[in-house]
Amino acid sequence: TFIDRGEKIINRHLRTLAMETTLTTMSLAAAASS
């Protein structure tokens, strides 16, 4: 639980190159607006 809470702090405040990723398989379906 301590690690989970601490990791949430990290995820809120840290923005490093190692955190960058690309998802190429996203899909906006026909007739959808989200």
PDB file of all heavy atoms in Angstrom:
ATOM      1  N   THR A   1       0.831  -1.202   0.000  1.00  0.00           N
ATOM      2  CA  THR A   1       0.000   0.000   0.000  1.00  0.00           C
ATOM      3  C   THR A   1       0.863   1.249   0.000  1.00  0.00           C
ATOM      4  O   THR A   1       0.571   2.218  -0.710  1.00  0.00           O
ATOM      5  CB  THR A   1      -0.925   0.022   1.229  1.00  0.00           C
ATOM      6  OG1 THR A   1      -1.767  -1.134   1.191  1.00  0.00           O
ATOM      7  CG2 THR A   1      -1.799   1.272   1.243  1.00  0.00           C
ATOM      8  N   PHE A   2       1.949   1.239   0.777  1.00  0.00           N
ATOM      9  CA  PHE A   2       2.861   2.388   0.807  1.00  0.00           C
ATOM     10  C   PHE A   2       3.462   2.629  -0.575  1.00  0.00           C
ATOM     11  O   PHE A   2       3.561   3.777  -1.023  1.00  0.00           O
ATOM     12  CB  PHE A   2       3.985   2.149   1.819  1.00  0.00           C
ATOM     13  CG  PHE A   2       3.535   1.969   3.241  1.00  0.00           C
ATOM     14  CD1 PHE A   2       4.373   1.381   4.179  1.00  0.00           C
ATOM     15  CD2 PHE A   2       2.266   2.388   3.643  1.00  0.00           C
ATOM     16  CE1 PHE A   2       3.970   1.212   5.497  1.00  0.00           C
ATOM     17  CE2 PHE A   2       1.849   2.216   4.968  1.00  0.00           C
ATOM     18  CZ  PHE A   2       2.709   1.626   5.896  1.00  0.00           C
ATOM     19  N   ILE A   3       3.866   1.550  -1.227  1.00  0.00           N
ATOM     20  CA  ILE A   3       4.468   1.673  -2.562  1.00  0.00           C
ATOM     21  C   ILE A   3       3.437   2.188  -3.561  1.00  0.00           C
ATOM     22  O   ILE A   3       3.737   3.041  -4.404  1.00  0.00           O
ATOM     23  CB  ILE A   3       5.054   0.331  -3.018  1.00  0.00           C
ATOM     24  CG1 ILE A   3       6.253  -0.046  -2.133  1.00  0.00           C
ATOM     25  CG2 ILE A   3       5.475   0.380  -4.491  1.00  0.00           C
ATOM     26  CD1 ILE A   3       6.796  -1.437  -2.379  1.00  0.00           C
ATOM     27  N   ASP A   4       2.219   1.687  -3.478  1.00  0.00           N
ATOM     28  CA  ASP A   4       1.161   2.135  -4.383  1.00  0.00           C
ATOM     29  C   ASP A   4       0.888   3.625  -4.208  1.00  0.00           C
ATOM     30  O   ASP A   4       0.761   4.363  -5.188  1.00  0.00           O
ATOM     31  CB  ASP A   4      -0.110   1.326  -4.137  1.00  0.00           C
ATOM     32  CG  ASP A   4      -1.240   1.732  -5.065  1.00  0.00           C
ATOM     33  OD1 ASP A   4      -1.107   1.542  -6.283  1.00  0.00           O
ATOM     34  OD2 ASP A   4      -2.262   2.261  -4.565  1.00  0.00           O
ATOM     35  N   ARG A   5       0.806   4.073  -2.960  1.00  0.00           N
ATOM     36  CA  ARG A   5       0.572   5.496  -2.702  1.00  0.00           C
ATOM     37  C   ARG A   5       1.739   6.336  -3.202  1.00  0.00           C
ATOM     38  O   ARG A   5       1.550   7.400  -3.805  1.00  0.00           O
ATOM     39  CB  ARG A   5       0.365   5.724  -1.209  1.00  0.00           C
ATOM     40  CG  ARG A   5      -0.964   5.205  -0.677  1.00  0.00           C
ATOM     41  CD  ARG A   5      -1.009   5.294   0.833  1.00  0.00           C
ATOM     42  NE  ARG A   5      -2.281   4.834   1.361  1.00  0.00           N
ATOM     43  CZ  ARG A   5      -2.492   4.516   2.637  1.00  0.00           C
ATOM     44  NH1 ARG A   5      -1.489   4.605   3.508  1.00  0.00           N
ATOM     45  NH2 ARG A   5      -3.681   4.098   3.040  1.00  0.00           N
ATOM     46  N   GLY A   6       2.955   5.855  -2.955  1.00  0.00           N
ATOM     47  CA  GLY A   6       4.118   6.579  -3.425  1.00  0.00           C
ATOM     48  C   GLY A   6       4.203   6.638  -4.934  1.00  0.00           C
ATOM     49  O   GLY A   6       4.570   7.665  -5.516  1.00  0.00           O
ATOM     50  N   GLU A   7       3.863   5.543  -5.584  1.00  0.00           N
ATOM     51  CA  GLU A   7       3.898   5.499  -7.043  1.00  0.00           C
ATOM     52  C   GLU A   7       2.864   6.447  -7.637  1.00  0.00           C
ATOM     53  O   GLU A   7       3.099   7.034  -8.702  1.00  0.00           O
ATOM     54  CB  GLU A   7       3.655   4.075  -7.521  1.00  0.00           C
ATOM     55  CG  GLU A   7       3.984   3.852  -8.984  1.00  0.00           C
ATOM     56  CD  GLU A   7       3.928   2.387  -9.358  1.00  0.00           C
ATOM     57  OE1 GLU A   7       2.872   1.757  -9.103  1.00  0.00           O
ATOM     58  OE2 GLU A   7       4.916   1.867  -9.883  1.00  0.00           O
ATOM     59  N   LYS A   8       1.758   6.617  -6.980  1.00  0.00           N
ATOM     60  CA  LYS A   8       0.759   7.588  -7.452  1.00  0.00           C
ATOM     61  C   LYS A   8       1.323   9.003  -7.412  1.00  0.00           C
ATOM     62  O   LYS A   8       1.041   9.830  -8.301  1.00  0.00           O
ATOM     63  CB  LYS A   8      -0.518   7.488  -6.606  1.00  0.00           C
ATOM     64  CG  LYS A   8      -1.394   6.292  -6.945  1.00  0.00           C
ATOM     65  CD  LYS A   8      -2.655   6.262  -6.099  1.00  0.00           C
ATOM     66  CE  LYS A   8      -3.668   5.243  -6.614  1.00  0.00           C
ATOM     67  NZ  LYS A   8      -3.171   3.870  -6.585  1.00  0.00           N
ATOM     68  N   ILE A   9       2.135   9.298  -6.395  1.00  0.00           N
ATOM     69  CA  ILE A   9       2.791  10.608  -6.328  1.00  0.00           C
ATOM     70  C   ILE A   9       3.748  10.761  -7.508  1.00  0.00           C
ATOM     71  O   ILE A   9       3.783  11.802  -8.179  1.00  0.00           O
ATOM     72  CB  ILE A   9       3.562  10.755  -4.995  1.00  0.00           C
ATOM     73  CG1 ILE A   9       2.591  10.743  -3.815  1.00  0.00           C
ATOM     74  CG2 ILE A   9       4.376  12.051  -4.996  1.00  0.00           C
ATOM     75  CD1 ILE A   9       3.272  10.689  -2.454  1.00  0.00           C
ATOM     76  N   ILE A  10       4.530   9.720  -7.766  1.00  0.00           N
ATOM     77  CA  ILE A  10       5.462   9.738  -8.894  1.00  0.00           C
ATOM     78  C   ILE A  10       4.713   9.964 -10.205  1.00  0.00           C
ATOM     79  O   ILE A  10       5.105  10.802 -11.031  1.00  0.00           O
ATOM     80  CB  ILE A  10       6.256   8.422  -8.956  1.00  0.00           C
ATOM     81  CG1 ILE A  10       7.190   8.289  -7.755  1.00  0.00           C
ATOM     82  CG2 ILE A  10       7.057   8.332 -10.261  1.00  0.00           C
ATOM     83  CD1 ILE A  10       7.859   6.934  -7.638  1.00  0.00           C
ATOM     84  N   ASN A  11       3.641   9.242 -10.410  1.00  0.00           N
ATOM     85  CA  ASN A  11       2.894   9.340 -11.663  1.00  0.00           C
ATOM     86  C   ASN A  11       2.233  10.703 -11.845  1.00  0.00           C
ATOM     87  O   ASN A  11       2.024  11.145 -12.979  1.00  0.00           O
ATOM     88  CB  ASN A  11       1.842   8.234 -11.738  1.00  0.00           C
ATOM     89  CG  ASN A  11       2.448   6.876 -12.035  1.00  0.00           C
ATOM     90  OD1 ASN A  11       3.485   6.772 -12.686  1.00  0.00           O
ATOM     91  ND2 ASN A  11       1.812   5.822 -11.548  1.00  0.00           N
ATOM     92  N   ARG A  12       1.899  11.354 -10.746  1.00  0.00           N
ATOM     93  CA  ARG A  12       1.294  12.688 -10.853  1.00  0.00           C
ATOM     94  C   ARG A  12       2.317  13.750 -11.230  1.00  0.00           C
ATOM     95  O   ARG A  12       1.981  14.710 -11.936  1.00  0.00           O
ATOM     96  CB  ARG A  12       0.632  13.079  -9.531  1.00  0.00           C
ATOM     97  CG  ARG A  12      -0.739  12.486  -9.307  1.00  0.00           C
ATOM     98  CD  ARG A  12      -1.499  13.216  -8.210  1.00  0.00           C
ATOM     99  NE  ARG A  12      -0.839  13.119  -6.909  1.00  0.00           N
ATOM    100  CZ  ARG A  12      -1.060  12.148  -6.028  1.00  0.00           C
ATOM    101  NH1 ARG A  12      -1.910  11.174  -6.315  1.00  0.00           N
ATOM    102  NH2 ARG A  12      -0.440  12.141  -4.866  1.00  0.00           N
ATOM    103  N   HIS A  13       3.552  13.587 -10.782  1.00  0.00           N
ATOM    104  CA  HIS A  13       4.517  14.681 -10.911  1.00  0.00           C
ATOM    105  C   HIS A  13       5.665  14.433 -11.874  1.00  0.00           C
ATOM    106  O   HIS A  13       6.314  15.391 -12.302  1.00  0.00           O
ATOM    107  CB  HIS A  13       5.086  15.015  -9.529  1.00  0.00           C
ATOM    108  CG  HIS A  13       4.070  15.500  -8.555  1.00  0.00           C
ATOM    109  ND1 HIS A  13       3.557  16.783  -8.581  1.00  0.00           N
ATOM    110  CD2 HIS A  13       3.443  14.871  -7.521  1.00  0.00           C
ATOM    111  CE1 HIS A  13       2.671  16.930  -7.609  1.00  0.00           C
ATOM    112  NE2 HIS A  13       2.576  15.785  -6.954  1.00  0.00           N
ATOM    113  N   LEU A  14       5.945  13.183 -12.204  1.00  0.00           N
ATOM    114  CA  LEU A  14       7.107  12.883 -13.042  1.00  0.00           C
ATOM    115  C   LEU A  14       6.705  12.731 -14.503  1.00  0.00           C
ATOM    116  O   LEU A  14       5.717  12.075 -14.820  1.00  0.00           O
ATOM    117  CB  LEU A  14       7.769  11.592 -12.547  1.00  0.00           C
ATOM    118  CG  LEU A  14       9.225  11.349 -12.963  1.00  0.00           C
ATOM    119  CD1 LEU A  14      10.123  12.459 -12.420  1.00  0.00           C
ATOM    120  CD2 LEU A  14       9.695   9.995 -12.453  1.00  0.00           C
ATOM    121  N   ARG A  15       7.491  13.347 -15.387  1.00  0.00           N
ATOM    122  CA  ARG A  15       7.278  13.231 -16.834  1.00  0.00           C
ATOM    123  C   ARG A  15       8.640  13.099 -17.509  1.00  0.00           C
ATOM    124  O   ARG A  15       9.241  14.083 -17.914  1.00  0.00           O
ATOM    125  CB  ARG A  15       6.518  14.454 -17.380  1.00  0.00           C
ATOM    126  CG  ARG A  15       5.092  14.615 -16.867  1.00  0.00           C
ATOM    127  CD  ARG A  15       4.191  13.530 -17.391  1.00  0.00           C
ATOM    128  NE  ARG A  15       2.820  13.686 -16.952  1.00  0.00           N
ATOM    129  CZ  ARG A  15       2.305  13.178 -15.830  1.00  0.00           C
ATOM    130  NH1 ARG A  15       3.094  12.481 -15.011  1.00  0.00           N
ATOM    131  NH2 ARG A  15       1.046  13.349 -15.514  1.00  0.00           N
ATOM    132  N   THR A  16       9.119  11.873 -17.612  1.00  0.00           N
ATOM    133  CA  THR A  16      10.434  11.626 -18.196  1.00  0.00           C
ATOM    134  C   THR A  16      10.294  10.952 -19.558  1.00  0.00           C
ATOM    135  O   THR A  16       9.223  10.461 -19.925  1.00  0.00           O
ATOM    136  CB  THR A  16      11.273  10.721 -17.276  1.00  0.00           C
ATOM    137  OG1 THR A  16      10.639   9.429 -17.181  1.00  0.00           O
ATOM    138  CG2 THR A  16      11.402  11.326 -15.885  1.00  0.00           C
ATOM    139  N   LEU A  17      11.393  10.915 -20.289  1.00  0.00           N
ATOM    140  CA  LEU A  17      11.378  10.287 -21.608  1.00  0.00           C
ATOM    141  C   LEU A  17      11.034   8.808 -21.509  1.00  0.00           C
ATOM    142  O   LEU A  17      10.405   8.242 -22.405  1.00  0.00           O
ATOM    143  CB  LEU A  17      12.738  10.464 -22.290  1.00  0.00           C
ATOM    144  CG  LEU A  17      13.182  11.909 -22.564  1.00  0.00           C
ATOM    145  CD1 LEU A  17      14.546  11.918 -23.242  1.00  0.00           C
ATOM    146  CD2 LEU A  17      12.166  12.649 -23.415  1.00  0.00           C
ATOM    147  N   ALA A  18      11.443   8.174 -20.413  1.00  0.00           N
ATOM    148  CA  ALA A  18      11.165   6.749 -20.246  1.00  0.00           C
ATOM    149  C   ALA A  18       9.680   6.461 -20.062  1.00  0.00           C
ATOM    150  O   ALA A  18       9.238   5.323 -20.251  1.00  0.00           O
ATOM    151  CB  ALA A  18      11.941   6.204 -19.048  1.00  0.00           C
ATOM    152  N   MET A  19       8.921   7.482 -19.710  1.00  0.00           N
ATOM    153  CA  MET A  19       7.480   7.307 -19.520  1.00  0.00           C
ATOM    154  C   MET A  19       6.696   7.496 -20.814  1.00  0.00           C
ATOM    155  O   MET A  19       5.492   7.256 -20.857  1.00  0.00           O
ATOM    156  CB  MET A  19       6.964   8.281 -18.455  1.00  0.00           C
ATOM    157  CG  MET A  19       7.575   8.076 -17.083  1.00  0.00           C
ATOM    158  SD  MET A  19       7.109   9.351 -15.883  1.00  0.00           S
ATOM    159  CE  MET A  19       5.408   8.858 -15.511  1.00  0.00           C
ATOM    160  N   GLU A  20       7.372   7.943 -21.861  1.00  0.00           N
ATOM    161  CA  GLU A  20       6.697   8.164 -23.139  1.00  0.00           C
ATOM    162  C   GLU A  20       6.526   6.840 -23.883  1.00  0.00           C
ATOM    163  O   GLU A  20       7.458   6.043 -23.950  1.00  0.00           O
ATOM    164  CB  GLU A  20       7.484   9.148 -24.006  1.00  0.00           C
ATOM    165  CG  GLU A  20       7.552  10.550 -23.427  1.00  0.00           C
ATOM    166  CD  GLU A  20       8.208  11.534 -24.373  1.00  0.00           C
ATOM    167  OE1 GLU A  20       8.323  11.207 -25.578  1.00  0.00           O
ATOM    168  OE2 GLU A  20       8.605  12.624 -23.915  1.00  0.00           O
ATOM    169  N   THR A  21       5.356   6.642 -24.436  1.00  0.00           N
ATOM    170  CA  THR A  21       5.106   5.443 -25.229  1.00  0.00           C
ATOM    171  C   THR A  21       4.114   5.780 -26.331  1.00  0.00           C
ATOM    172  O   THR A  21       3.406   6.786 -26.251  1.00  0.00           O
ATOM    173  CB  THR A  21       4.558   4.296 -24.351  1.00  0.00           C
ATOM    174  OG1 THR A  21       4.517   3.097 -25.105  1.00  0.00           O
ATOM    175  CG2 THR A  21       3.158   4.604 -23.839  1.00  0.00           C
ATOM    176  N   THR A  22       4.069   4.957 -27.362  1.00  0.00           N
ATOM    177  CA  THR A  22       3.155   5.186 -28.480  1.00  0.00           C
ATOM    178  C   THR A  22       2.288   3.960 -28.706  1.00  0.00           C
ATOM    179  O   THR A  22       2.796   2.841 -28.796  1.00  0.00           O
ATOM    180  CB  THR A  22       3.932   5.495 -29.774  1.00  0.00           C
ATOM    181  OG1 THR A  22       4.747   6.651 -29.576  1.00  0.00           O
ATOM    182  CG2 THR A  22       2.961   5.762 -30.928  1.00  0.00           C
ATOM    183  N   LEU A  23       0.985   4.178 -28.780  1.00  0.00           N
ATOM    184  CA  LEU A  23       0.041   3.119 -29.119  1.00  0.00           C
ATOM    185  C   LEU A  23      -0.472   3.394 -30.517  1.00  0.00           C
ATOM    186  O   LEU A  23      -1.095   4.425 -30.774  1.00  0.00           O
ATOM    187  CB  LEU A  23      -1.115   3.093 -28.111  1.00  0.00           C
ATOM    188  CG  LEU A  23      -2.186   2.023 -28.345  1.00  0.00           C
ATOM    189  CD1 LEU A  23      -1.587   0.628 -28.188  1.00  0.00           C
ATOM    190  CD2 LEU A  23      -3.347   2.206 -27.368  1.00  0.00           C
ATOM    191  N   THR A  24      -0.202   2.484 -31.448  1.00  0.00           N
ATOM    192  CA  THR A  24      -0.544   2.698 -32.857  1.00  0.00           C
ATOM    193  C   THR A  24      -1.840   2.010 -33.263  1.00  0.00           C
ATOM    194  O   THR A  24      -2.223   2.074 -34.426  1.00  0.00           O
ATOM    195  CB  THR A  24       0.591   2.183 -33.762  1.00  0.00           C
ATOM    196  OG1 THR A  24       0.755   0.770 -33.546  1.00  0.00           O
ATOM    197  CG2 THR A  24       1.899   2.898 -33.458  1.00  0.00           C
ATOM    198  N   THR A  25      -2.511   1.364 -32.317  1.00  0.00           N
ATOM    199  CA  THR A  25      -3.694   0.558 -32.661  1.00  0.00           C
ATOM    200  C   THR A  25      -4.990   1.143 -32.113  1.00  0.00           C
ATOM    201  O   THR A  25      -5.963   0.424 -31.926  1.00  0.00           O
ATOM    202  CB  THR A  25      -3.521  -0.875 -32.130  1.00  0.00           C
ATOM    203  OG1 THR A  25      -3.285  -0.842 -30.714  1.00  0.00           O
ATOM    204  CG2 THR A  25      -2.361  -1.566 -32.824  1.00  0.00           C
ATOM    205  N   MET A  26      -5.022   2.442 -31.862  1.00  0.00           N
ATOM    206  CA  MET A  26      -6.267   3.063 -31.415  1.00  0.00           C
ATOM    207  C   MET A  26      -7.226   3.152 -32.593  1.00  0.00           C
ATOM    208  O   MET A  26      -6.797   3.255 -33.754  1.00  0.00           O
ATOM    209  CB  MET A  26      -6.004   4.444 -30.825  1.00  0.00           C
ATOM    210  CG  MET A  26      -5.120   4.397 -29.586  1.00  0.00           C
ATOM    211  SD  MET A  26      -4.938   5.998 -28.779  1.00  0.00           S
ATOM    212  CE  MET A  26      -6.566   6.215 -28.050  1.00  0.00           C
ATOM    213  N   SER A  27      -8.509   3.126 -32.295  1.00  0.00           N
ATOM    214  CA  SER A  27      -9.490   3.111 -33.377  1.00  0.00           C
ATOM    215  C   SER A  27     -10.715   3.947 -33.012  1.00  0.00           C
ATOM    216  O   SER A  27     -11.323   3.747 -31.959  1.00  0.00           O
ATOM    217  CB  SER A  27      -9.910   1.670 -33.675  1.00  0.00           C
ATOM    218  OG  SER A  27     -10.876   1.633 -34.709  1.00  0.00           O
ATOM    219  N   LEU A  28     -11.030   4.891 -33.890  1.00  0.00           N
ATOM    220  CA  LEU A  28     -12.273   5.645 -33.773  1.00  0.00           C
ATOM    221  C   LEU A  28     -13.276   4.982 -34.700  1.00  0.00           C
ATOM    222  O   LEU A  28     -13.140   5.023 -35.918  1.00  0.00           O
ATOM    223  CB  LEU A  28     -12.057   7.108 -34.171  1.00  0.00           C
ATOM    224  CG  LEU A  28     -13.307   7.991 -34.198  1.00  0.00           C
ATOM    225  CD1 LEU A  28     -13.971   8.064 -32.826  1.00  0.00           C
ATOM    226  CD2 LEU A  28     -12.967   9.393 -34.707  1.00  0.00           C
ATOM    227  N   ALA A  29     -14.267   4.358 -34.117  1.00  0.00           N
ATOM    228  CA  ALA A  29     -15.219   3.575 -34.899  1.00  0.00           C
ATOM    229  C   ALA A  29     -16.160   4.462 -35.697  1.00  0.00           C
ATOM    230  O   ALA A  29     -16.445   5.603 -35.322  1.00  0.00           O
ATOM    231  CB  ALA A  29     -16.025   2.665 -33.975  1.00  0.00           C
ATOM    232  N   ALA A  30     -16.649   3.947 -36.797  1.00  0.00           N
ATOM    233  CA  ALA A  30     -17.627   4.661 -37.617  1.00  0.00           C
ATOM    234  C   ALA A  30     -18.848   4.987 -36.768  1.00  0.00           C
ATOM    235  O   ALA A  30     -19.319   4.164 -35.980  1.00  0.00           O
ATOM    236  CB  ALA A  30     -18.025   3.808 -38.811  1.00  0.00           C
ATOM    237  N   ALA A  31     -19.349   6.208 -36.915  1.00  0.00           N
ATOM    238  CA  ALA A  31     -20.517   6.723 -36.194  1.00  0.00           C
ATOM    239  C   ALA A  31     -20.236   7.029 -34.725  1.00  0.00           C
ATOM    240  O   ALA A  31     -21.121   7.460 -34.000  1.00  0.00           O
ATOM    241  CB  ALA A  31     -21.715   5.782 -36.304  1.00  0.00           C
ATOM    242  N   ALA A  32     -19.003   6.831 -34.285  1.00  0.00           N
ATOM    243  CA  ALA A  32     -18.640   7.128 -32.893  1.00  0.00           C
ATOM    244  C   ALA A  32     -18.021   8.517 -32.788  1.00  0.00           C
ATOM    245  O   ALA A  32     -17.394   9.011 -33.731  1.00  0.00           O
ATOM    246  CB  ALA A  32     -17.663   6.090 -32.364  1.00  0.00           C
ATOM    247  N   SER A  33     -18.190   9.147 -31.642  1.00  0.00           N
ATOM    248  CA  SER A  33     -17.597  10.462 -31.408  1.00  0.00           C
ATOM    249  C   SER A  33     -16.667  10.444 -30.198  1.00  0.00           C
ATOM    250  O   SER A  33     -16.331  11.497 -29.651  1.00  0.00           O
ATOM    251  CB  SER A  33     -18.689  11.521 -31.206  1.00  0.00           C
ATOM    252  OG  SER A  33     -19.525  11.163 -30.112  1.00  0.00           O
ATOM    253  N   SER A  34     -16.260   9.251 -29.778  1.00  0.00           N
ATOM    254  CA  SER A  34     -15.307   9.126 -28.676  1.00  0.00           C
ATOM    255  C   SER A  34     -14.597   7.786 -28.784  1.00  0.00           C
ATOM    256  O   SER A  34     -15.063   6.873 -29.468  1.00  0.00           O
ATOM    257  CB  SER A  34     -16.004   9.237 -27.317  1.00  0.00           C
ATOM    258  OG  SER A  34     -16.845   8.122 -27.101  1.00  0.00           O
TER     259      SER A  34
END
